[in-house]
Amino acid sequence: MDLPTRDKSKNLVENSVCFSEDPTLTSIVNEVTASQLTKLNLNTSHHDNEEFYEKAKKYWETVSPTIDGILGGFAEVSPRDIQSSAQLLTAIFRLKPRPGRSRALDCGAGIGRVTKHLLMRFFEKVDLVEQCPQFAAQIPEYVGDTKHLGEIYTQGLQDFTPEAGKYDVIWTQWVLGHLTDDDLVAFWRRCISGLAKGGVIVMKENTSSSNEVEVDNEDSSVTRPLKLIRQLLRHAGLREIRIQKQENMPRGLFPIYMIVMRASR
């Protein structure tokens, strides 16, 4: 789901550009140790995981199927978000090997905001995964009558498996905090199998300002530090092609990072 959660540290971004010009940011990102990874890991038991997912499901059933509802009252960030994402996608199509433009997958799609305003500008077909039935039902109306709309899967990412070799770009935004660490790693591994030749996985997520995982008990989600995200993606068999920070966002939001990934082998 698209939800830029409020940051307790009230981080303020003052730059006027929409994303960092530094393509790697490796000079400011430290590796997380194995002991830290164990300490920060969300997973406890199967029962706790089921409760974690069920609580999130119930929360989103109460949210209005509108952009303002899905974005937690921050609908005004959408144009800036889309602008920086479009700049990132333009850069992705300069990669070697270059991804195709045949089919994309929008994960945690909400009512189709990213699909309509971003992905359909670049791809012939866009499939969407959205577990909330009321959001999924709204997608055709919000997106409109277009040849670019593909399949809509009403399913949680912890259970979703993309068709092998199907997608040029798998886009995940403001949704991975609803997965436990183990399910996130497993989801990424399934996504690797779902990529077409030259394809990439794109993650756009909130990150915590500290080295700690921040838990939101209201919507049953976590916000991970960037270094933990990087450790988990490597554990999944991925490597970073590009890392950028979303800039020019309102006061009170978590830092937002975009990571472009490919299989490490």
C-alpha atoms as a PDB file:
ATOM      1  CA  MET A   1       0.000   0.000   0.000  1.00  0.00           C
ATOM      2  CA  ASP A   2       1.112   3.597  -0.558  1.00  0.00           C
ATOM      3  CA  LEU A   3       1.656   4.988   2.933  1.00  0.00           C
ATOM      4  CA  PRO A   4       4.470   7.479   3.715  1.00  0.00           C
ATOM      5  CA  THR A   5       4.442   6.954   7.475  1.00  0.00           C
ATOM      6  CA  ARG A   6       5.228   9.908   9.733  1.00  0.00           C
ATOM      7  CA  ASP A   7       8.753  10.023  11.135  1.00  0.00           C
ATOM      8  CA  LYS A   8       8.991  10.684  14.873  1.00  0.00           C
ATOM      9  CA  SER A   9      12.247  12.574  14.248  1.00  0.00           C
ATOM     10  CA  LYS A  10      10.432  15.099  12.001  1.00  0.00           C
ATOM     11  CA  ASN A  11      13.078  14.929   9.315  1.00  0.00           C
ATOM     12  CA  LEU A  12      12.972  17.995   7.018  1.00  0.00           C
ATOM     13  CA  VAL A  13      14.274  17.858   3.469  1.00  0.00           C
ATOM     14  CA  GLU A  14      15.156  21.258   2.115  1.00  0.00           C
ATOM     15  CA  ASN A  15      16.706  20.403  -1.251  1.00  0.00           C
ATOM     16  CA  SER A  16      14.708  21.471  -4.279  1.00  0.00           C
ATOM     17  CA  VAL A  17      15.621  18.506  -6.491  1.00  0.00           C
ATOM     18  CA  CYS A  18      13.480  15.388  -6.421  1.00  0.00           C
ATOM     19  CA  PHE A  19      16.203  12.820  -5.902  1.00  0.00           C
ATOM     20  CA  SER A  20      19.828  12.514  -4.939  1.00  0.00           C
ATOM     21  CA  GLU A  21      22.290  12.824  -7.790  1.00  0.00           C
ATOM     22  CA  ASP A  22      24.575  10.270  -6.108  1.00  0.00           C
ATOM     23  CA  PRO A  23      23.780   6.911  -7.781  1.00  0.00           C
ATOM     24  CA  THR A  24      25.202   4.726  -5.027  1.00  0.00           C
ATOM     25  CA  LEU A  25      25.355   6.583  -1.692  1.00  0.00           C
ATOM     26  CA  THR A  26      27.792   3.894  -0.544  1.00  0.00           C
ATOM     27  CA  SER A  27      29.883   6.443   1.318  1.00  0.00           C
ATOM     28  CA  ILE A  28      27.049   7.083   3.773  1.00  0.00           C
ATOM     29  CA  VAL A  29      25.697   3.534   4.185  1.00  0.00           C
ATOM     30  CA  ASN A  30      27.358   1.084   6.604  1.00  0.00           C
ATOM     31  CA  GLU A  31      26.887  -2.672   6.536  1.00  0.00           C
ATOM     32  CA  VAL A  32      24.783  -4.264   9.239  1.00  0.00           C
ATOM     33  CA  THR A  33      26.432  -7.122  11.112  1.00  0.00           C
ATOM     34  CA  ALA A  34      24.939 -10.581  11.431  1.00  0.00           C
ATOM     35  CA  SER A  35      24.363 -10.053  15.144  1.00  0.00           C
ATOM     36  CA  GLN A  36      22.463  -6.816  14.449  1.00  0.00           C
ATOM     37  CA  LEU A  37      20.379  -8.572  11.802  1.00  0.00           C
ATOM     38  CA  THR A  38      19.333 -11.223  14.293  1.00  0.00           C
ATOM     39  CA  LYS A  39      18.460  -8.595  16.881  1.00  0.00           C
ATOM     40  CA  LEU A  40      16.385  -6.561  14.436  1.00  0.00           C
ATOM     41  CA  ASN A  41      14.598  -9.494  12.818  1.00  0.00           C
ATOM     42  CA  LEU A  42      10.853  -9.182  13.224  1.00  0.00           C
ATOM     43  CA  ASN A  43      10.028 -12.869  13.024  1.00  0.00           C
ATOM     44  CA  THR A  44       9.115 -14.728  16.192  1.00  0.00           C
ATOM     45  CA  SER A  45       6.637 -17.522  15.499  1.00  0.00           C
ATOM     46  CA  HIS A  46       4.151 -18.647  12.874  1.00  0.00           C
ATOM     47  CA  HIS A  47       1.279 -17.578  15.118  1.00  0.00           C
ATOM     48  CA  ASP A  48       2.756 -14.112  15.599  1.00  0.00           C
ATOM     49  CA  ASN A  49       3.243 -13.741  11.838  1.00  0.00           C
ATOM     50  CA  GLU A  50      -0.387 -14.667  11.156  1.00  0.00           C
ATOM     51  CA  GLU A  51      -1.492 -12.080  13.724  1.00  0.00           C
ATOM     52  CA  PHE A  52       0.829  -9.482  12.133  1.00  0.00           C
ATOM     53  CA  TYR A  53      -0.752  -9.967   8.694  1.00  0.00           C
ATOM     54  CA  GLU A  54      -4.321 -10.212   9.949  1.00  0.00           C
ATOM     55  CA  LYS A  55      -4.001  -6.962  11.877  1.00  0.00           C
ATOM     56  CA  ALA A  56      -2.717  -5.155   8.769  1.00  0.00           C
ATOM     57  CA  LYS A  57      -5.547  -6.578   6.699  1.00  0.00           C
ATOM     58  CA  LYS A  58      -8.143  -5.310   9.162  1.00  0.00           C
ATOM     59  CA  TYR A  59      -6.516  -1.878   9.274  1.00  0.00           C
ATOM     60  CA  TRP A  60      -6.609  -1.378   5.507  1.00  0.00           C
ATOM     61  CA  GLU A  61     -10.241  -2.465   5.365  1.00  0.00           C
ATOM     62  CA  THR A  62     -11.044   0.725   7.293  1.00  0.00           C
ATOM     63  CA  VAL A  63      -9.138   3.034   4.913  1.00  0.00           C
ATOM     64  CA  SER A  64     -10.950   4.998   2.219  1.00  0.00           C
ATOM     65  CA  PRO A  65     -10.115   3.801  -1.336  1.00  0.00           C
ATOM     66  CA  THR A  66      -8.834   7.231  -2.356  1.00  0.00           C
ATOM     67  CA  ILE A  67      -5.361   8.659  -2.905  1.00  0.00           C
ATOM     68  CA  ASP A  68      -5.570  10.674   0.304  1.00  0.00           C
ATOM     69  CA  GLY A  69      -6.720   7.637   2.239  1.00  0.00           C
ATOM     70  CA  ILE A  70      -4.026   5.350   0.894  1.00  0.00           C
ATOM     71  CA  LEU A  71      -1.327   7.983   1.359  1.00  0.00           C
ATOM     72  CA  GLY A  72      -2.338   8.561   4.963  1.00  0.00           C
ATOM     73  CA  GLY A  73      -3.498  12.139   4.392  1.00  0.00           C
ATOM     74  CA  PHE A  74      -0.439  13.063   2.308  1.00  0.00           C
ATOM     75  CA  ALA A  75      -2.028  13.173  -1.151  1.00  0.00           C
ATOM     76  CA  GLU A  76      -0.003  16.297  -1.930  1.00  0.00           C
ATOM     77  CA  VAL A  77       3.223  14.258  -2.118  1.00  0.00           C
ATOM     78  CA  SER A  78       1.995  12.226  -5.090  1.00  0.00           C
ATOM     79  CA  PRO A  79       3.194  14.544  -7.917  1.00  0.00           C
ATOM     80  CA  ARG A  80       6.689  14.831  -6.390  1.00  0.00           C
ATOM     81  CA  ASP A  81       6.808  11.104  -5.802  1.00  0.00           C
ATOM     82  CA  ILE A  82       5.802  10.312  -9.376  1.00  0.00           C
ATOM     83  CA  GLN A  83       8.260  12.855 -10.812  1.00  0.00           C
ATOM     84  CA  SER A  84      11.258  11.334  -9.075  1.00  0.00           C
ATOM     85  CA  SER A  85      10.126   7.801  -9.903  1.00  0.00           C
ATOM     86  CA  ALA A  86       9.820   8.749 -13.578  1.00  0.00           C
ATOM     87  CA  GLN A  87      13.358  10.125 -13.505  1.00  0.00           C
ATOM     88  CA  LEU A  88      14.536   6.867 -11.990  1.00  0.00           C
ATOM     89  CA  LEU A  89      12.758   4.765 -14.611  1.00  0.00           C
ATOM     90  CA  THR A  90      14.279   6.868 -17.381  1.00  0.00           C
ATOM     91  CA  ALA A  91      17.711   6.109 -15.931  1.00  0.00           C
ATOM     92  CA  ILE A  92      16.850   2.403 -15.656  1.00  0.00           C
ATOM     93  CA  PHE A  93      16.267   2.229 -19.404  1.00  0.00           C
ATOM     94  CA  ARG A  94      19.875   3.312 -19.932  1.00  0.00           C
ATOM     95  CA  LEU A  95      21.200   0.277 -18.060  1.00  0.00           C
ATOM     96  CA  LYS A  96      23.094  -2.493 -19.797  1.00  0.00           C
ATOM     97  CA  PRO A  97      21.462  -4.908 -20.357  1.00  0.00           C
ATOM     98  CA  ARG A  98      18.457  -2.683 -20.826  1.00  0.00           C
ATOM     99  CA  PRO A  99      15.080  -3.820 -19.425  1.00  0.00           C
ATOM    100  CA  GLY A 100      12.260  -4.273 -21.893  1.00  0.00           C
ATOM    101  CA  ARG A 101       9.055  -2.235 -21.912  1.00  0.00           C
ATOM    102  CA  SER A 102       6.594  -5.061 -22.364  1.00  0.00           C
ATOM    103  CA  ARG A 103       5.237  -5.766 -18.875  1.00  0.00           C
ATOM    104  CA  ALA A 104       5.587  -4.346 -15.366  1.00  0.00           C
ATOM    105  CA  LEU A 105       4.220  -5.496 -12.018  1.00  0.00           C
ATOM    106  CA  ASP A 106       2.933  -2.993  -9.437  1.00  0.00           C
ATOM    107  CA  CYS A 107       3.106  -4.575  -5.969  1.00  0.00           C
ATOM    108  CA  GLY A 108       0.968  -3.208  -3.154  1.00  0.00           C
ATOM    109  CA  ALA A 109      -0.821  -1.209  -5.824  1.00  0.00           C
ATOM    110  CA  GLY A 110      -3.630   0.346  -3.780  1.00  0.00           C
ATOM    111  CA  ILE A 111      -6.138   1.757  -6.277  1.00  0.00           C
ATOM    112  CA  GLY A 112      -3.516   2.006  -9.029  1.00  0.00           C
ATOM    113  CA  ARG A 113      -1.904   5.410  -8.407  1.00  0.00           C
ATOM    114  CA  VAL A 114       1.608   4.311  -9.435  1.00  0.00           C
ATOM    115  CA  THR A 115       0.256   2.253 -12.316  1.00  0.00           C
ATOM    116  CA  LYS A 116      -1.795   5.098 -13.777  1.00  0.00           C
ATOM    117  CA  HIS A 117       0.589   7.992 -13.334  1.00  0.00           C
ATOM    118  CA  LEU A 118       3.927   6.209 -13.774  1.00  0.00           C
ATOM    119  CA  LEU A 119       4.114   2.644 -15.052  1.00  0.00           C
ATOM    120  CA  MET A 120       1.577   2.960 -17.869  1.00  0.00           C
ATOM    121  CA  ARG A 121       3.708   5.721 -19.341  1.00  0.00           C
ATOM    122  CA  PHE A 122       6.576   3.279 -19.809  1.00  0.00           C
ATOM    123  CA  PHE A 123       5.087  -0.211 -20.322  1.00  0.00           C
ATOM    124  CA  GLU A 124       2.659  -1.885 -22.712  1.00  0.00           C
ATOM    125  CA  LYS A 125       0.960  -3.793 -19.898  1.00  0.00           C
ATOM    126  CA  VAL A 126       0.943  -3.398 -16.132  1.00  0.00           C
ATOM    127  CA  ASP A 127      -0.237  -6.114 -13.743  1.00  0.00           C
ATOM    128  CA  LEU A 128      -1.134  -5.190 -10.179  1.00  0.00           C
ATOM    129  CA  VAL A 129      -1.045  -7.000  -6.826  1.00  0.00           C
ATOM    130  CA  GLU A 130      -3.283  -5.621  -4.089  1.00  0.00           C
ATOM    131  CA  GLN A 131      -4.547  -7.666  -1.153  1.00  0.00           C
ATOM    132  CA  CYS A 132      -7.350  -5.310  -0.070  1.00  0.00           C
ATOM    133  CA  PRO A 133     -10.511  -6.208  -2.053  1.00  0.00           C
ATOM    134  CA  GLN A 134     -12.012  -2.717  -1.839  1.00  0.00           C
ATOM    135  CA  PHE A 135      -8.847  -1.199  -3.285  1.00  0.00           C
ATOM    136  CA  ALA A 136      -8.520  -3.842  -6.015  1.00  0.00           C
ATOM    137  CA  ALA A 137     -12.143  -3.312  -7.033  1.00  0.00           C
ATOM    138  CA  GLN A 138     -11.457   0.400  -7.481  1.00  0.00           C
ATOM    139  CA  ILE A 139      -8.465  -0.080  -9.799  1.00  0.00           C
ATOM    140  CA  PRO A 140     -10.312  -0.315 -13.165  1.00  0.00           C
ATOM    141  CA  GLU A 141     -12.362   2.797 -12.401  1.00  0.00           C
ATOM    142  CA  TYR A 142      -9.382   4.826 -11.173  1.00  0.00           C
ATOM    143  CA  VAL A 143      -7.015   3.747 -13.936  1.00  0.00           C
ATOM    144  CA  GLY A 144      -9.669   4.060 -16.620  1.00  0.00           C
ATOM    145  CA  ASP A 145     -10.404   2.210 -19.824  1.00  0.00           C
ATOM    146  CA  THR A 146      -6.948   1.543 -21.199  1.00  0.00           C
ATOM    147  CA  LYS A 147      -5.179  -1.177 -23.119  1.00  0.00           C
ATOM    148  CA  HIS A 148      -2.288  -0.951 -20.661  1.00  0.00           C
ATOM    149  CA  LEU A 149      -4.177  -2.473 -17.718  1.00  0.00           C
ATOM    150  CA  GLY A 150      -3.249  -6.113 -17.232  1.00  0.00           C
ATOM    151  CA  GLU A 151      -4.116  -8.635 -14.541  1.00  0.00           C
ATOM    152  CA  ILE A 152      -5.193  -7.664 -11.020  1.00  0.00           C
ATOM    153  CA  TYR A 153      -4.186 -10.116  -8.281  1.00  0.00           C
ATOM    154  CA  THR A 154      -6.025  -9.728  -4.974  1.00  0.00           C
ATOM    155  CA  GLN A 155      -3.382 -11.308  -2.774  1.00  0.00           C
ATOM    156  CA  GLY A 156      -0.832 -10.451  -0.103  1.00  0.00           C
ATOM    157  CA  LEU A 157       2.797 -10.322  -1.209  1.00  0.00           C
ATOM    158  CA  GLN A 158       3.679 -12.970   1.384  1.00  0.00           C
ATOM    159  CA  ASP A 159       1.591 -15.390  -0.700  1.00  0.00           C
ATOM    160  CA  PHE A 160       2.110 -14.012  -4.211  1.00  0.00           C
ATOM    161  CA  THR A 161       4.337 -15.698  -6.789  1.00  0.00           C
ATOM    162  CA  PRO A 162       4.939 -13.877 -10.096  1.00  0.00           C
ATOM    163  CA  GLU A 163       4.885 -15.914 -13.275  1.00  0.00           C
ATOM    164  CA  ALA A 164       8.403 -17.005 -14.243  1.00  0.00           C
ATOM    165  CA  GLY A 165      10.233 -14.731 -16.701  1.00  0.00           C
ATOM    166  CA  LYS A 166       7.261 -12.394 -17.176  1.00  0.00           C
ATOM    167  CA  TYR A 167       8.235  -8.943 -15.928  1.00  0.00           C
ATOM    168  CA  ASP A 168      10.668  -6.328 -17.182  1.00  0.00           C
ATOM    169  CA  VAL A 169      10.230  -4.295 -13.989  1.00  0.00           C
ATOM    170  CA  ILE A 170       8.751  -5.362 -10.662  1.00  0.00           C
ATOM    171  CA  TRP A 171       7.870  -2.198  -8.739  1.00  0.00           C
ATOM    172  CA  THR A 172       7.282  -2.262  -4.966  1.00  0.00           C
ATOM    173  CA  GLN A 173       6.420   0.940  -3.127  1.00  0.00           C
ATOM    174  CA  TRP A 174       5.415   1.633   0.485  1.00  0.00           C
ATOM    175  CA  VAL A 175       4.404  -1.979   1.028  1.00  0.00           C
ATOM    176  CA  LEU A 176       7.433  -4.054   2.085  1.00  0.00           C
ATOM    177  CA  GLY A 177       7.093  -2.901   5.677  1.00  0.00           C
ATOM    178  CA  HIS A 178       4.028  -5.141   5.818  1.00  0.00           C
ATOM    179  CA  LEU A 179       6.225  -8.227   5.338  1.00  0.00           C
ATOM    180  CA  THR A 180       8.260  -9.985   8.012  1.00  0.00           C
ATOM    181  CA  ASP A 181      11.991 -10.249   7.306  1.00  0.00           C
ATOM    182  CA  ASP A 182      11.799 -13.895   6.259  1.00  0.00           C
ATOM    183  CA  ASP A 183       8.769 -13.313   4.028  1.00  0.00           C
ATOM    184  CA  LEU A 184      10.451 -10.290   2.448  1.00  0.00           C
ATOM    185  CA  VAL A 185      13.521 -12.335   1.548  1.00  0.00           C
ATOM    186  CA  ALA A 186      11.321 -15.146   0.196  1.00  0.00           C
ATOM    187  CA  PHE A 187       9.242 -12.661  -1.826  1.00  0.00           C
ATOM    188  CA  TRP A 188      12.352 -11.138  -3.388  1.00  0.00           C
ATOM    189  CA  ARG A 189      13.610 -14.590  -4.337  1.00  0.00           C
ATOM    190  CA  ARG A 190      10.323 -15.312  -6.109  1.00  0.00           C
ATOM    191  CA  CYS A 191      10.591 -11.959  -7.859  1.00  0.00           C
ATOM    192  CA  ILE A 192      14.006 -12.895  -9.233  1.00  0.00           C
ATOM    193  CA  SER A 193      12.348 -15.861 -10.964  1.00  0.00           C
ATOM    194  CA  GLY A 194       9.619 -13.546 -12.240  1.00  0.00           C
ATOM    195  CA  LEU A 195      11.992 -11.244 -14.105  1.00  0.00           C
ATOM    196  CA  ALA A 196      12.363 -11.268 -17.876  1.00  0.00           C
ATOM    197  CA  LYS A 197      15.839 -11.056 -19.411  1.00  0.00           C
ATOM    198  CA  GLY A 198      17.403  -7.742 -18.411  1.00  0.00           C
ATOM    199  CA  GLY A 199      14.643  -7.094 -15.869  1.00  0.00           C
ATOM    200  CA  VAL A 200      15.002  -5.290 -12.551  1.00  0.00           C
ATOM    201  CA  ILE A 201      13.259  -5.068  -9.196  1.00  0.00           C
ATOM    202  CA  VAL A 202      12.631  -1.565  -7.862  1.00  0.00           C
ATOM    203  CA  MET A 203      11.994  -0.887  -4.187  1.00  0.00           C
ATOM    204  CA  LYS A 204      10.769   2.511  -2.976  1.00  0.00           C
ATOM    205  CA  GLU A 205      10.367   2.512   0.784  1.00  0.00           C
ATOM    206  CA  ASN A 206      10.479   4.514   3.968  1.00  0.00           C
ATOM    207  CA  THR A 207      13.570   3.972   6.100  1.00  0.00           C
ATOM    208  CA  SER A 208      14.097   4.675   9.774  1.00  0.00           C
ATOM    209  CA  SER A 209      16.420   7.513  10.709  1.00  0.00           C
ATOM    210  CA  SER A 210      18.044   5.412  13.435  1.00  0.00           C
ATOM    211  CA  ASN A 211      19.638   1.969  13.324  1.00  0.00           C
ATOM    212  CA  GLU A 212      16.496   0.473  14.800  1.00  0.00           C
ATOM    213  CA  VAL A 213      13.385  -1.056  13.273  1.00  0.00           C
ATOM    214  CA  GLU A 214      10.390   1.145  14.071  1.00  0.00           C
ATOM    215  CA  VAL A 215       7.089  -0.663  14.579  1.00  0.00           C
ATOM    216  CA  ASP A 216       3.695   0.872  13.787  1.00  0.00           C
ATOM    217  CA  ASN A 217       1.118  -1.062  15.785  1.00  0.00           C
ATOM    218  CA  GLU A 218      -1.790   0.792  14.180  1.00  0.00           C
ATOM    219  CA  ASP A 219      -1.339  -0.537  10.638  1.00  0.00           C
ATOM    220  CA  SER A 220       0.883  -3.488  11.643  1.00  0.00           C
ATOM    221  CA  SER A 221       3.991  -2.505   9.723  1.00  0.00           C
ATOM    222  CA  VAL A 222       7.689  -1.935  10.308  1.00  0.00           C
ATOM    223  CA  THR A 223      10.103   0.692   9.012  1.00  0.00           C
ATOM    224  CA  ARG A 224      13.587  -0.719   8.597  1.00  0.00           C
ATOM    225  CA  PRO A 225      16.920   1.117   8.550  1.00  0.00           C
ATOM    226  CA  LEU A 226      18.523   1.264   5.122  1.00  0.00           C
ATOM    227  CA  LYS A 227      21.440  -0.918   6.146  1.00  0.00           C
ATOM    228  CA  LEU A 228      19.094  -3.718   7.235  1.00  0.00           C
ATOM    229  CA  ILE A 229      17.207  -3.510   3.943  1.00  0.00           C
ATOM    230  CA  ARG A 230      20.506  -3.832   2.085  1.00  0.00           C
ATOM    231  CA  GLN A 231      21.475  -6.839   4.169  1.00  0.00           C
ATOM    232  CA  LEU A 232      18.150  -8.548   3.522  1.00  0.00           C
ATOM    233  CA  LEU A 233      18.245  -7.969  -0.226  1.00  0.00           C
ATOM    234  CA  ARG A 234      21.705  -9.466  -0.427  1.00  0.00           C
ATOM    235  CA  HIS A 235      20.496 -12.428   1.590  1.00  0.00           C
ATOM    236  CA  ALA A 236      17.785 -12.833  -1.048  1.00  0.00           C
ATOM    237  CA  GLY A 237      20.421 -13.050  -3.793  1.00  0.00           C
ATOM    238  CA  LEU A 238      20.090  -9.490  -5.082  1.00  0.00           C
ATOM    239  CA  ARG A 239      22.603  -6.718  -5.750  1.00  0.00           C
ATOM    240  CA  GLU A 240      22.030  -2.984  -5.914  1.00  0.00           C
ATOM    241  CA  ILE A 241      22.347  -1.354  -9.313  1.00  0.00           C
ATOM    242  CA  ARG A 242      21.367   2.088  -8.120  1.00  0.00           C
ATOM    243  CA  ILE A 243      20.350   3.729  -4.831  1.00  0.00           C
ATOM    244  CA  GLN A 244      18.704   7.154  -4.700  1.00  0.00           C
ATOM    245  CA  LYS A 245      17.073   9.187  -1.983  1.00  0.00           C
ATOM    246  CA  GLN A 246      13.720  10.840  -2.607  1.00  0.00           C
ATOM    247  CA  GLU A 247      14.051  14.530  -1.931  1.00  0.00           C
ATOM    248  CA  ASN A 248      11.746  17.531  -1.569  1.00  0.00           C
ATOM    249  CA  MET A 249       9.196  15.886   0.702  1.00  0.00           C
ATOM    250  CA  PRO A 250       7.189  17.571   3.509  1.00  0.00           C
ATOM    251  CA  ARG A 251       8.336  17.791   7.100  1.00  0.00           C
ATOM    252  CA  GLY A 252       7.519  14.757   9.210  1.00  0.00           C
ATOM    253  CA  LEU A 253       8.109  11.934   6.729  1.00  0.00           C
ATOM    254  CA  PHE A 254      10.577   9.102   7.012  1.00  0.00           C
ATOM    255  CA  PRO A 255      13.570   9.243   4.633  1.00  0.00           C
ATOM    256  CA  ILE A 256      12.534   7.512   1.398  1.00  0.00           C
ATOM    257  CA  TYR A 257      15.000   5.488  -0.688  1.00  0.00           C
ATOM    258  CA  MET A 258      14.706   3.954  -4.133  1.00  0.00           C
ATOM    259  CA  ILE A 259      16.824   0.868  -4.831  1.00  0.00           C
ATOM    260  CA  VAL A 260      17.146  -0.798  -8.243  1.00  0.00           C
ATOM    261  CA  MET A 261      18.133  -4.454  -7.976  1.00  0.00           C
ATOM    262  CA  ARG A 262      19.136  -7.430 -10.059  1.00  0.00           C
ATOM    263  CA  ALA A 263      20.047 -10.987  -9.209  1.00  0.00           C
ATOM    264  CA  SER A 264      23.578 -11.200  -7.882  1.00  0.00           C
ATOM    265  CA  ARG A 265      24.344 -14.189 -10.132  1.00  0.00           C
END
